[in-house]
């Protein structure tokens, strides 16, 4: 399947400095509440930096979705290199989740991409159709620190300063769609994880 149209201001960083930021991606995922009993969607999975450790934790019960076919191919290679597998590779727009994934899942991870989604409200509402009752949506974001201050390997990294979102800004989009903030996880040196749970009154 061919896909076009990257979200604005979303590009995949060089894997070398990604590893400098988070040398143990599996530990990051566990801190965000991922556990072996879950079925997970890695939303906007990019080159698979989190996809492979996700697959290891949950025994391959992962849907990996990205709008960029080339990044999906890189992710597929990385997952194979680490000796694991995913349930399905999906090329498509994250806002069309209800058409792309029919199974209701336990957990959705969106790392370093929420800031670039053109319609964040629509995306948040799509999650309530995808997740099981009391399911989890975790957003990993750069803290709203000026870009020139977020240096990795001696260079400023991450999205433009004006695109960075505070936890309260993320909550303003996600909670009205039927979520409640369950946890706010510090992910040094420059990130946080906002972990949302589907509200009890959402069927």
N, C-alpha and C. Protein backbone atom coordinates (compact mmCIF):
# COMPACT_ATOMS: atom_id res chain seq x y z
N UNK A 1 0.85 -1.21 0.00
CA UNK A 1 0.00 0.00 0.00
C UNK A 1 0.87 1.24 0.00
N UNK A 2 0.55 2.19 -0.86
CA UNK A 2 1.32 3.42 -0.92
C UNK A 2 0.63 4.50 -0.10
N UNK A 3 1.43 5.28 0.60
CA UNK A 3 0.88 6.35 1.42
C UNK A 3 1.63 7.64 1.11
N UNK A 4 0.92 8.73 1.19
CA UNK A 4 1.52 10.04 0.96
C UNK A 4 1.08 11.01 2.03
N UNK A 5 1.83 12.12 2.18
CA UNK A 5 1.35 13.20 3.01
C UNK A 5 1.73 13.10 4.47
N UNK A 6 3.01 13.31 4.77
CA UNK A 6 3.44 13.30 6.16
C UNK A 6 2.74 14.40 6.94
N UNK A 7 2.52 14.15 8.23
CA UNK A 7 2.02 15.22 9.08
C UNK A 7 3.04 16.35 9.09
N UNK A 8 2.61 17.60 9.23
CA UNK A 8 3.54 18.72 9.25
C UNK A 8 4.56 18.59 10.38
N UNK A 9 5.81 18.91 10.06
CA UNK A 9 6.88 19.00 11.06
C UNK A 9 7.16 17.67 11.75
N UNK A 10 6.85 16.56 11.08
CA UNK A 10 7.19 15.26 11.66
C UNK A 10 8.22 14.59 10.76
N UNK A 11 9.40 14.42 11.26
CA UNK A 11 10.45 13.70 10.58
C UNK A 11 11.11 12.76 11.57
N UNK A 12 11.77 11.74 11.03
CA UNK A 12 12.39 10.76 11.91
C UNK A 12 13.82 11.15 12.19
N UNK A 13 14.23 11.24 13.46
CA UNK A 13 15.59 11.64 13.78
C UNK A 13 16.59 10.55 13.46
N UNK A 14 17.84 10.94 13.34
CA UNK A 14 18.92 9.99 13.19
C UNK A 14 18.92 9.02 14.36
N UNK A 15 18.99 7.74 14.04
CA UNK A 15 18.88 6.72 15.09
C UNK A 15 19.97 6.85 16.15
N UNK A 16 21.13 7.37 15.77
CA UNK A 16 22.25 7.50 16.71
C UNK A 16 21.88 8.41 17.87
N UNK A 17 21.28 9.58 17.57
CA UNK A 17 20.98 10.46 18.70
C UNK A 17 19.71 10.05 19.42
N UNK A 18 18.84 9.32 18.76
CA UNK A 18 17.68 8.75 19.44
C UNK A 18 18.14 7.82 20.55
N UNK A 19 19.14 7.01 20.25
CA UNK A 19 19.68 6.08 21.24
C UNK A 19 20.40 6.79 22.37
N UNK A 20 20.96 7.96 22.08
CA UNK A 20 21.60 8.75 23.14
C UNK A 20 20.53 9.26 24.11
N UNK A 21 19.40 9.69 23.58
CA UNK A 21 18.31 10.16 24.43
C UNK A 21 17.78 9.04 25.32
N UNK A 22 17.48 7.90 24.70
CA UNK A 22 16.86 6.78 25.41
C UNK A 22 17.59 5.49 25.09
N UNK A 23 18.67 5.20 25.81
CA UNK A 23 19.45 3.99 25.53
C UNK A 23 18.70 2.69 25.85
N UNK A 24 17.64 2.78 26.66
CA UNK A 24 16.88 1.59 27.04
C UNK A 24 15.40 1.82 26.73
N UNK A 25 15.00 1.69 25.46
CA UNK A 25 13.61 1.97 25.10
C UNK A 25 12.61 1.03 25.78
N UNK A 26 13.02 -0.20 26.07
CA UNK A 26 12.10 -1.12 26.75
C UNK A 26 11.76 -0.61 28.14
N UNK A 27 12.74 -0.05 28.84
CA UNK A 27 12.48 0.50 30.17
C UNK A 27 11.54 1.70 30.08
N UNK A 28 11.67 2.51 29.04
CA UNK A 28 10.76 3.64 28.83
C UNK A 28 9.33 3.13 28.69
N UNK A 29 9.17 2.10 27.88
CA UNK A 29 7.82 1.55 27.64
C UNK A 29 7.22 0.98 28.92
N UNK A 30 8.01 0.30 29.69
CA UNK A 30 7.50 -0.27 30.94
C UNK A 30 7.11 0.84 31.92
N UNK A 31 7.87 1.93 31.90
CA UNK A 31 7.52 3.05 32.79
C UNK A 31 6.20 3.69 32.39
N UNK A 32 5.82 3.52 31.13
CA UNK A 32 4.56 4.05 30.62
C UNK A 32 3.40 3.06 30.77
N UNK A 33 3.65 1.94 31.41
CA UNK A 33 2.58 1.01 31.72
C UNK A 33 2.34 -0.11 30.74
N UNK A 34 3.25 -0.31 29.78
CA UNK A 34 3.11 -1.43 28.86
C UNK A 34 3.44 -2.72 29.60
N UNK A 35 2.57 -3.74 29.45
CA UNK A 35 2.87 -5.02 30.09
C UNK A 35 2.56 -6.17 29.14
N UNK A 36 3.05 -7.38 29.43
CA UNK A 36 2.99 -8.50 28.48
C UNK A 36 1.59 -8.96 28.10
N UNK A 37 0.58 -8.61 28.86
CA UNK A 37 -0.77 -9.10 28.58
C UNK A 37 -1.51 -8.25 27.55
N UNK A 38 -0.89 -7.22 27.03
CA UNK A 38 -1.59 -6.24 26.20
C UNK A 38 -1.47 -6.51 24.71
N UNK A 39 -2.48 -6.02 23.98
CA UNK A 39 -2.38 -5.82 22.54
C UNK A 39 -2.22 -4.33 22.32
N UNK A 40 -1.21 -3.96 21.53
CA UNK A 40 -0.76 -2.57 21.46
C UNK A 40 -0.74 -2.07 20.02
N UNK A 41 -1.01 -0.79 19.84
CA UNK A 41 -0.78 -0.11 18.57
C UNK A 41 0.37 0.88 18.75
N UNK A 42 1.39 0.74 17.90
CA UNK A 42 2.47 1.73 17.84
C UNK A 42 2.10 2.70 16.74
N UNK A 43 1.52 3.83 17.14
CA UNK A 43 0.93 4.79 16.20
C UNK A 43 1.99 5.79 15.76
N UNK A 44 2.15 5.93 14.42
CA UNK A 44 3.24 6.73 13.88
C UNK A 44 4.56 6.13 14.35
N UNK A 45 4.75 4.86 14.01
CA UNK A 45 5.87 4.09 14.56
C UNK A 45 7.23 4.49 14.03
N UNK A 46 7.26 5.23 12.91
CA UNK A 46 8.55 5.65 12.38
C UNK A 46 9.43 4.49 12.00
N UNK A 47 10.70 4.57 12.36
CA UNK A 47 11.65 3.53 11.94
C UNK A 47 11.73 2.36 12.89
N UNK A 48 10.80 2.28 13.85
CA UNK A 48 10.72 1.11 14.69
C UNK A 48 11.51 1.15 15.97
N UNK A 49 11.94 2.36 16.38
CA UNK A 49 12.76 2.43 17.59
C UNK A 49 12.02 1.88 18.81
N UNK A 50 10.72 2.16 18.91
CA UNK A 50 9.92 1.59 19.99
C UNK A 50 9.18 0.33 19.56
N UNK A 51 8.99 0.12 18.26
CA UNK A 51 8.21 -1.02 17.80
C UNK A 51 8.83 -2.35 18.23
N UNK A 52 10.13 -2.49 18.02
CA UNK A 52 10.79 -3.75 18.35
C UNK A 52 10.73 -4.06 19.85
N UNK A 53 11.07 -3.12 20.74
CA UNK A 53 10.93 -3.43 22.16
C UNK A 53 9.48 -3.64 22.60
N UNK A 54 8.54 -2.93 21.97
CA UNK A 54 7.13 -3.20 22.23
C UNK A 54 6.78 -4.64 21.91
N UNK A 55 7.20 -5.08 20.74
CA UNK A 55 6.91 -6.44 20.32
C UNK A 55 7.52 -7.47 21.27
N UNK A 56 8.70 -7.16 21.78
CA UNK A 56 9.32 -8.08 22.73
C UNK A 56 8.50 -8.19 24.01
N UNK A 57 8.02 -7.06 24.51
CA UNK A 57 7.27 -7.06 25.78
C UNK A 57 5.96 -7.82 25.64
N UNK A 58 5.23 -7.59 24.53
CA UNK A 58 3.87 -8.14 24.41
C UNK A 58 3.81 -9.38 23.50
N UNK A 59 4.95 -9.94 23.18
CA UNK A 59 4.95 -11.18 22.41
C UNK A 59 4.43 -11.04 21.00
N UNK A 60 4.70 -9.90 20.37
CA UNK A 60 4.31 -9.69 18.98
C UNK A 60 2.91 -9.17 18.77
N UNK A 61 2.16 -8.94 19.85
CA UNK A 61 0.78 -8.46 19.71
C UNK A 61 0.77 -6.93 19.50
N UNK A 62 1.35 -6.52 18.38
CA UNK A 62 1.54 -5.10 18.06
C UNK A 62 1.05 -4.83 16.64
N UNK A 63 0.25 -3.78 16.49
CA UNK A 63 -0.03 -3.21 15.18
C UNK A 63 0.89 -2.01 15.02
N UNK A 64 1.68 -2.00 13.95
CA UNK A 64 2.60 -0.90 13.70
C UNK A 64 2.09 -0.08 12.53
N UNK A 65 1.79 1.19 12.77
CA UNK A 65 1.17 2.04 11.75
C UNK A 65 2.00 3.29 11.53
N UNK A 66 2.19 3.62 10.26
CA UNK A 66 2.82 4.89 9.91
C UNK A 66 2.32 5.31 8.54
N UNK A 67 2.38 6.60 8.27
CA UNK A 67 1.93 7.13 6.99
C UNK A 67 3.01 7.06 5.92
N UNK A 68 4.25 6.76 6.34
CA UNK A 68 5.42 6.75 5.46
C UNK A 68 5.85 5.31 5.21
N UNK A 69 5.68 4.85 3.98
CA UNK A 69 6.00 3.46 3.64
C UNK A 69 7.49 3.16 3.84
N UNK A 70 8.36 4.11 3.54
CA UNK A 70 9.79 3.88 3.70
C UNK A 70 10.17 3.68 5.16
N UNK A 71 9.56 4.46 6.05
CA UNK A 71 9.83 4.28 7.47
C UNK A 71 9.30 2.93 7.95
N UNK A 72 8.15 2.51 7.45
CA UNK A 72 7.63 1.20 7.81
C UNK A 72 8.60 0.09 7.41
N UNK A 73 9.21 0.23 6.26
CA UNK A 73 10.17 -0.78 5.83
C UNK A 73 11.39 -0.80 6.76
N UNK A 74 11.84 0.39 7.18
CA UNK A 74 12.95 0.44 8.14
C UNK A 74 12.55 -0.22 9.45
N UNK A 75 11.32 0.03 9.89
CA UNK A 75 10.84 -0.57 11.13
C UNK A 75 10.77 -2.09 11.00
N UNK A 76 10.32 -2.57 9.86
CA UNK A 76 10.23 -4.01 9.64
C UNK A 76 11.62 -4.65 9.75
N UNK A 77 12.60 -3.99 9.16
CA UNK A 77 13.97 -4.51 9.23
C UNK A 77 14.46 -4.54 10.66
N UNK A 78 14.19 -3.46 11.41
CA UNK A 78 14.66 -3.37 12.80
C UNK A 78 13.99 -4.43 13.67
N UNK A 79 12.70 -4.66 13.47
CA UNK A 79 12.00 -5.69 14.24
C UNK A 79 12.59 -7.06 13.95
N UNK A 80 12.87 -7.33 12.68
CA UNK A 80 13.50 -8.61 12.33
C UNK A 80 14.90 -8.74 12.90
N UNK A 81 15.63 -7.64 12.86
CA UNK A 81 17.01 -7.67 13.39
C UNK A 81 17.01 -8.02 14.87
N UNK A 82 15.99 -7.58 15.59
CA UNK A 82 15.92 -7.86 17.02
C UNK A 82 15.21 -9.17 17.34
N UNK A 83 14.91 -9.94 16.29
CA UNK A 83 14.39 -11.28 16.48
C UNK A 83 12.98 -11.36 17.00
N UNK A 84 12.15 -10.39 16.64
CA UNK A 84 10.76 -10.42 17.09
C UNK A 84 9.84 -10.18 15.89
N UNK A 85 8.56 -9.98 16.12
CA UNK A 85 7.61 -9.80 15.03
C UNK A 85 6.44 -8.96 15.52
N UNK A 86 5.64 -8.47 14.56
CA UNK A 86 4.42 -7.74 14.90
C UNK A 86 3.23 -8.42 14.24
N UNK A 87 2.04 -8.11 14.72
CA UNK A 87 0.84 -8.72 14.17
C UNK A 87 0.53 -8.21 12.77
N UNK A 88 0.73 -6.89 12.55
CA UNK A 88 0.41 -6.33 11.24
C UNK A 88 1.14 -5.00 11.05
N UNK A 89 1.62 -4.80 9.81
CA UNK A 89 2.19 -3.52 9.40
C UNK A 89 1.13 -2.78 8.60
N UNK A 90 0.87 -1.53 8.97
CA UNK A 90 -0.21 -0.78 8.34
C UNK A 90 0.32 0.58 7.88
N UNK A 91 0.14 0.86 6.60
CA UNK A 91 0.48 2.17 6.07
C UNK A 91 -0.81 2.97 5.94
N UNK A 92 -0.92 4.05 6.70
CA UNK A 92 -2.14 4.83 6.66
C UNK A 92 -2.09 6.03 7.57
N UNK A 93 -3.13 6.82 7.52
CA UNK A 93 -3.26 8.05 8.31
C UNK A 93 -3.77 7.70 9.71
N UNK A 94 -3.08 8.17 10.73
CA UNK A 94 -3.44 7.85 12.11
C UNK A 94 -4.85 8.28 12.46
N UNK A 95 -5.39 9.26 11.77
CA UNK A 95 -6.73 9.74 12.07
C UNK A 95 -7.83 8.81 11.55
N UNK A 96 -7.44 7.80 10.76
CA UNK A 96 -8.41 6.87 10.19
C UNK A 96 -8.36 5.51 10.87
N UNK A 97 -8.07 5.51 12.15
CA UNK A 97 -7.85 4.26 12.87
C UNK A 97 -9.04 3.32 12.81
N UNK A 98 -10.25 3.87 12.87
CA UNK A 98 -11.43 3.00 12.90
C UNK A 98 -11.60 2.22 11.60
N UNK A 99 -11.00 2.71 10.50
CA UNK A 99 -11.04 1.98 9.23
C UNK A 99 -9.85 1.05 9.06
N UNK A 100 -8.76 1.33 9.76
CA UNK A 100 -7.51 0.61 9.54
C UNK A 100 -7.32 -0.58 10.48
N UNK A 101 -7.84 -0.47 11.70
CA UNK A 101 -7.68 -1.53 12.69
C UNK A 101 -9.06 -1.88 13.23
N UNK A 102 -9.48 -3.11 13.02
CA UNK A 102 -10.83 -3.53 13.42
C UNK A 102 -10.87 -4.06 14.85
N UNK A 103 -9.78 -4.59 15.33
CA UNK A 103 -9.74 -5.14 16.69
C UNK A 103 -9.62 -4.02 17.71
N UNK A 104 -10.33 -4.11 18.81
CA UNK A 104 -10.14 -3.17 19.90
C UNK A 104 -8.93 -3.61 20.72
N UNK A 105 -8.11 -2.66 21.09
CA UNK A 105 -6.82 -2.96 21.71
C UNK A 105 -6.75 -2.40 23.13
N UNK A 106 -5.70 -2.79 23.83
CA UNK A 106 -5.52 -2.36 25.22
C UNK A 106 -4.78 -1.04 25.35
N UNK A 107 -3.88 -0.75 24.38
CA UNK A 107 -2.93 0.33 24.59
C UNK A 107 -2.52 0.91 23.24
N UNK A 108 -2.45 2.23 23.18
CA UNK A 108 -1.93 2.91 21.99
C UNK A 108 -0.79 3.82 22.44
N UNK A 109 0.34 3.67 21.78
CA UNK A 109 1.50 4.54 22.02
C UNK A 109 1.67 5.49 20.85
N UNK A 110 1.84 6.78 21.16
CA UNK A 110 2.17 7.76 20.13
C UNK A 110 3.35 8.58 20.62
N UNK A 111 4.52 8.29 20.07
CA UNK A 111 5.76 8.90 20.56
C UNK A 111 6.27 9.95 19.57
N UNK A 112 6.38 11.18 20.05
CA UNK A 112 7.00 12.27 19.30
C UNK A 112 6.30 12.58 17.98
N UNK A 113 4.98 12.46 17.97
CA UNK A 113 4.24 12.75 16.74
C UNK A 113 2.97 13.56 16.97
N UNK A 114 2.44 13.54 18.19
CA UNK A 114 1.15 14.19 18.45
C UNK A 114 1.19 15.67 18.10
N UNK A 115 2.32 16.32 18.33
CA UNK A 115 2.43 17.76 18.05
C UNK A 115 2.24 18.08 16.57
N UNK A 116 2.47 17.09 15.69
CA UNK A 116 2.39 17.34 14.25
C UNK A 116 1.08 16.91 13.61
N UNK A 117 0.15 16.38 14.40
CA UNK A 117 -1.13 15.93 13.84
C UNK A 117 -1.99 17.15 13.51
N UNK A 118 -2.47 17.28 12.27
CA UNK A 118 -3.26 18.46 11.91
C UNK A 118 -4.57 18.60 12.68
N UNK A 119 -5.22 17.49 12.99
CA UNK A 119 -6.50 17.55 13.70
C UNK A 119 -6.39 16.65 14.93
N UNK A 120 -5.87 17.22 16.01
CA UNK A 120 -5.61 16.43 17.21
C UNK A 120 -6.89 15.98 17.90
N UNK A 121 -7.95 16.79 17.80
CA UNK A 121 -9.23 16.41 18.38
C UNK A 121 -9.80 15.18 17.69
N UNK A 122 -9.75 15.18 16.37
CA UNK A 122 -10.24 14.02 15.60
C UNK A 122 -9.46 12.76 15.97
N UNK A 123 -8.15 12.90 16.12
CA UNK A 123 -7.34 11.75 16.48
C UNK A 123 -7.74 11.21 17.85
N UNK A 124 -7.90 12.10 18.81
CA UNK A 124 -8.26 11.66 20.16
C UNK A 124 -9.60 10.93 20.16
N UNK A 125 -10.57 11.42 19.40
CA UNK A 125 -11.86 10.74 19.32
C UNK A 125 -11.72 9.37 18.67
N UNK A 126 -10.82 9.24 17.69
CA UNK A 126 -10.60 7.95 17.04
C UNK A 126 -10.11 6.91 18.04
N UNK A 127 -9.37 7.36 19.04
CA UNK A 127 -8.84 6.44 20.04
C UNK A 127 -9.96 5.77 20.84
N UNK A 128 -11.03 6.47 21.09
CA UNK A 128 -12.09 5.89 21.91
C UNK A 128 -12.80 4.75 21.19
N UNK A 129 -12.75 4.74 19.85
CA UNK A 129 -13.31 3.63 19.08
C UNK A 129 -12.34 2.46 19.00
N UNK A 130 -11.06 2.74 19.10
CA UNK A 130 -10.03 1.72 18.96
C UNK A 130 -9.76 0.99 20.27
N UNK A 131 -9.81 1.70 21.37
CA UNK A 131 -9.41 1.13 22.65
C UNK A 131 -10.55 0.39 23.34
N UNK A 132 -10.20 -0.65 24.07
CA UNK A 132 -11.15 -1.35 24.92
C UNK A 132 -11.58 -0.44 26.07
N UNK A 133 -12.68 -0.77 26.75
CA UNK A 133 -13.05 0.01 27.94
C UNK A 133 -11.88 0.11 28.92
N UNK A 134 -11.61 1.31 29.35
CA UNK A 134 -10.51 1.63 30.28
C UNK A 134 -9.14 1.40 29.64
N UNK A 135 -9.09 1.37 28.31
CA UNK A 135 -7.82 1.24 27.61
C UNK A 135 -6.96 2.47 27.77
N UNK A 136 -5.70 2.36 27.36
CA UNK A 136 -4.69 3.39 27.61
C UNK A 136 -4.18 4.01 26.32
N UNK A 137 -4.06 5.32 26.33
CA UNK A 137 -3.45 6.10 25.24
C UNK A 137 -2.30 6.90 25.84
N UNK A 138 -1.08 6.60 25.41
CA UNK A 138 0.11 7.27 25.94
C UNK A 138 0.73 8.16 24.87
N UNK A 139 0.91 9.42 25.22
CA UNK A 139 1.52 10.41 24.33
C UNK A 139 2.88 10.79 24.89
N UNK A 140 3.92 10.51 24.13
CA UNK A 140 5.28 10.93 24.51
C UNK A 140 5.61 12.19 23.73
N UNK A 141 5.97 13.24 24.46
CA UNK A 141 6.20 14.54 23.84
C UNK A 141 7.48 15.18 24.35
N UNK A 142 8.03 16.04 23.50
CA UNK A 142 9.08 16.95 23.96
C UNK A 142 8.46 17.98 24.90
N UNK A 143 9.14 18.27 25.97
CA UNK A 143 8.69 19.35 26.85
C UNK A 143 8.77 20.69 26.13
N UNK A 144 7.94 21.66 26.51
CA UNK A 144 7.94 22.96 25.83
C UNK A 144 9.14 23.81 26.25
N UNK A 145 10.30 23.31 25.91
CA UNK A 145 11.58 23.99 26.16
C UNK A 145 12.07 24.54 24.83
N UNK A 146 12.64 25.75 24.79
CA UNK A 146 13.16 26.26 23.52
C UNK A 146 14.09 25.26 22.84
N UNK A 147 13.94 25.11 21.55
CA UNK A 147 14.69 24.09 20.82
C UNK A 147 16.19 24.24 20.99
N UNK A 148 16.66 25.46 21.08
CA UNK A 148 18.11 25.64 21.21
C UNK A 148 18.66 25.09 22.53
N UNK A 149 17.76 24.80 23.47
CA UNK A 149 18.19 24.26 24.75
C UNK A 149 18.10 22.73 24.81
N UNK A 150 17.49 22.11 23.81
CA UNK A 150 17.37 20.65 23.84
C UNK A 150 18.42 20.05 22.89
N UNK A 151 19.62 19.97 23.39
CA UNK A 151 20.74 19.52 22.58
C UNK A 151 21.02 18.03 22.81
N UNK A 152 21.28 17.35 21.71
CA UNK A 152 21.72 15.96 21.74
C UNK A 152 22.89 15.86 20.78
N UNK A 153 23.99 15.28 21.25
CA UNK A 153 25.22 15.23 20.46
C UNK A 153 25.60 16.62 19.96
N UNK A 154 25.45 17.59 20.87
CA UNK A 154 25.92 18.97 20.66
C UNK A 154 25.12 19.78 19.63
N UNK A 155 23.94 19.31 19.24
CA UNK A 155 23.12 20.06 18.31
C UNK A 155 21.70 20.14 18.83
N UNK A 156 20.99 21.26 18.60
CA UNK A 156 19.58 21.34 18.98
C UNK A 156 18.77 20.30 18.22
N UNK A 157 17.87 19.62 18.94
CA UNK A 157 17.08 18.55 18.31
C UNK A 157 15.60 18.73 18.64
N UNK A 158 14.78 18.01 17.91
CA UNK A 158 13.35 18.01 18.17
C UNK A 158 12.60 19.03 17.33
N UNK A 159 11.28 19.10 17.51
CA UNK A 159 10.44 20.00 16.72
C UNK A 159 10.70 21.46 17.06
N UNK A 160 10.20 22.33 16.22
CA UNK A 160 10.32 23.76 16.47
C UNK A 160 9.69 24.12 17.81
N UNK A 161 10.23 25.14 18.44
CA UNK A 161 9.77 25.54 19.76
C UNK A 161 8.26 25.77 19.78
N UNK A 162 7.72 26.41 18.75
CA UNK A 162 6.30 26.77 18.75
C UNK A 162 5.38 25.56 18.60
N UNK A 163 5.91 24.41 18.20
CA UNK A 163 5.10 23.21 18.06
C UNK A 163 5.06 22.37 19.33
N UNK A 164 5.92 22.64 20.27
CA UNK A 164 6.00 21.81 21.47
C UNK A 164 4.82 22.08 22.39
N UNK A 165 4.37 21.03 23.04
CA UNK A 165 3.14 21.10 23.81
C UNK A 165 3.39 20.74 25.27
N UNK A 166 2.80 21.50 26.16
CA UNK A 166 2.84 21.17 27.58
C UNK A 166 1.86 20.03 27.85
N UNK A 167 1.99 19.35 28.98
CA UNK A 167 1.00 18.34 29.33
C UNK A 167 -0.43 18.90 29.37
N UNK A 168 -0.60 20.12 29.87
CA UNK A 168 -1.94 20.70 29.92
C UNK A 168 -2.51 20.94 28.52
N UNK A 169 -1.66 21.30 27.57
CA UNK A 169 -2.13 21.48 26.20
C UNK A 169 -2.58 20.15 25.59
N UNK A 170 -1.84 19.09 25.87
CA UNK A 170 -2.24 17.77 25.39
C UNK A 170 -3.56 17.35 26.03
N UNK A 171 -3.69 17.58 27.31
CA UNK A 171 -4.93 17.23 28.01
C UNK A 171 -6.13 17.95 27.39
N UNK A 172 -5.93 19.19 26.96
CA UNK A 172 -7.04 19.97 26.41
C UNK A 172 -7.61 19.34 25.14
N UNK A 173 -6.79 18.58 24.41
CA UNK A 173 -7.27 17.89 23.22
C UNK A 173 -7.79 16.49 23.54
N UNK A 174 -7.12 15.80 24.45
CA UNK A 174 -7.40 14.38 24.66
C UNK A 174 -8.57 14.14 25.62
N UNK A 175 -8.61 14.85 26.72
CA UNK A 175 -9.62 14.56 27.74
C UNK A 175 -11.06 14.77 27.25
N UNK A 176 -11.36 15.81 26.46
CA UNK A 176 -12.74 15.97 25.99
C UNK A 176 -13.24 14.84 25.09
N UNK A 177 -12.30 14.05 24.54
CA UNK A 177 -12.68 12.93 23.69
C UNK A 177 -13.12 11.71 24.49
N UNK A 178 -13.01 11.79 25.82
CA UNK A 178 -13.44 10.67 26.64
C UNK A 178 -12.32 10.00 27.40
N UNK A 179 -11.31 10.77 27.78
CA UNK A 179 -10.16 10.24 28.52
C UNK A 179 -9.96 10.98 29.83
N UNK A 180 -9.23 10.34 30.72
CA UNK A 180 -8.77 11.00 31.94
C UNK A 180 -7.27 10.73 32.09
N UNK A 181 -6.56 11.71 32.60
CA UNK A 181 -5.12 11.53 32.79
C UNK A 181 -4.89 10.56 33.94
N UNK A 182 -4.17 9.48 33.65
CA UNK A 182 -3.88 8.47 34.66
C UNK A 182 -2.49 8.65 35.27
N UNK A 183 -1.54 9.18 34.48
CA UNK A 183 -0.18 9.32 34.98
C UNK A 183 0.57 10.31 34.10
N UNK A 184 1.53 10.99 34.69
CA UNK A 184 2.43 11.87 33.96
C UNK A 184 3.84 11.43 34.31
N UNK A 185 4.54 10.88 33.33
CA UNK A 185 5.82 10.21 33.56
C UNK A 185 6.95 11.09 33.04
N UNK A 186 7.93 11.35 33.89
CA UNK A 186 9.12 12.09 33.45
C UNK A 186 10.01 11.16 32.63
N UNK A 187 10.43 11.64 31.47
CA UNK A 187 11.31 10.88 30.60
C UNK A 187 12.52 11.74 30.26
N UNK A 188 13.48 11.81 31.18
CA UNK A 188 14.64 12.68 30.98
C UNK A 188 15.40 12.30 29.71
N UNK A 189 16.10 13.29 29.10
CA UNK A 189 16.28 14.63 29.64
C UNK A 189 15.23 15.66 29.19
N UNK A 190 14.48 15.38 28.10
CA UNK A 190 13.65 16.45 27.53
C UNK A 190 12.19 16.08 27.31
N UNK A 191 11.76 14.90 27.70
CA UNK A 191 10.42 14.42 27.36
C UNK A 191 9.57 14.12 28.59
N UNK A 192 8.30 13.95 28.33
CA UNK A 192 7.36 13.43 29.31
C UNK A 192 6.41 12.47 28.60
N UNK A 193 5.79 11.61 29.37
CA UNK A 193 4.75 10.73 28.85
C UNK A 193 3.44 11.03 29.54
N UNK A 194 2.43 11.46 28.80
CA UNK A 194 1.10 11.68 29.34
C UNK A 194 0.29 10.42 29.08
N UNK A 195 -0.06 9.71 30.14
CA UNK A 195 -0.74 8.42 30.03
C UNK A 195 -2.22 8.62 30.37
N UNK A 196 -3.06 8.44 29.35
CA UNK A 196 -4.51 8.64 29.50
C UNK A 196 -5.22 7.29 29.53
N UNK A 197 -6.33 7.25 30.25
CA UNK A 197 -7.17 6.06 30.28
C UNK A 197 -8.57 6.45 29.82
N UNK A 198 -9.19 5.57 29.04
CA UNK A 198 -10.58 5.82 28.62
C UNK A 198 -11.44 5.98 29.86
N UNK A 199 -12.24 7.02 29.91
CA UNK A 199 -13.08 7.29 31.07
C UNK A 199 -14.06 6.16 31.34
N UNK A 200 -14.40 5.98 32.60
CA UNK A 200 -15.27 4.87 33.00
C UNK A 200 -16.65 4.95 32.34
N UNK A 201 -17.10 6.15 31.98
CA UNK A 201 -18.45 6.29 31.42
C UNK A 201 -18.48 6.16 29.90
N UNK A 202 -17.32 5.82 29.27
CA UNK A 202 -17.28 5.60 27.83
C UNK A 202 -17.45 4.10 27.58
N UNK A 203 -18.44 3.69 26.78
CA UNK A 203 -18.68 2.25 26.59
C UNK A 203 -17.57 1.58 25.78
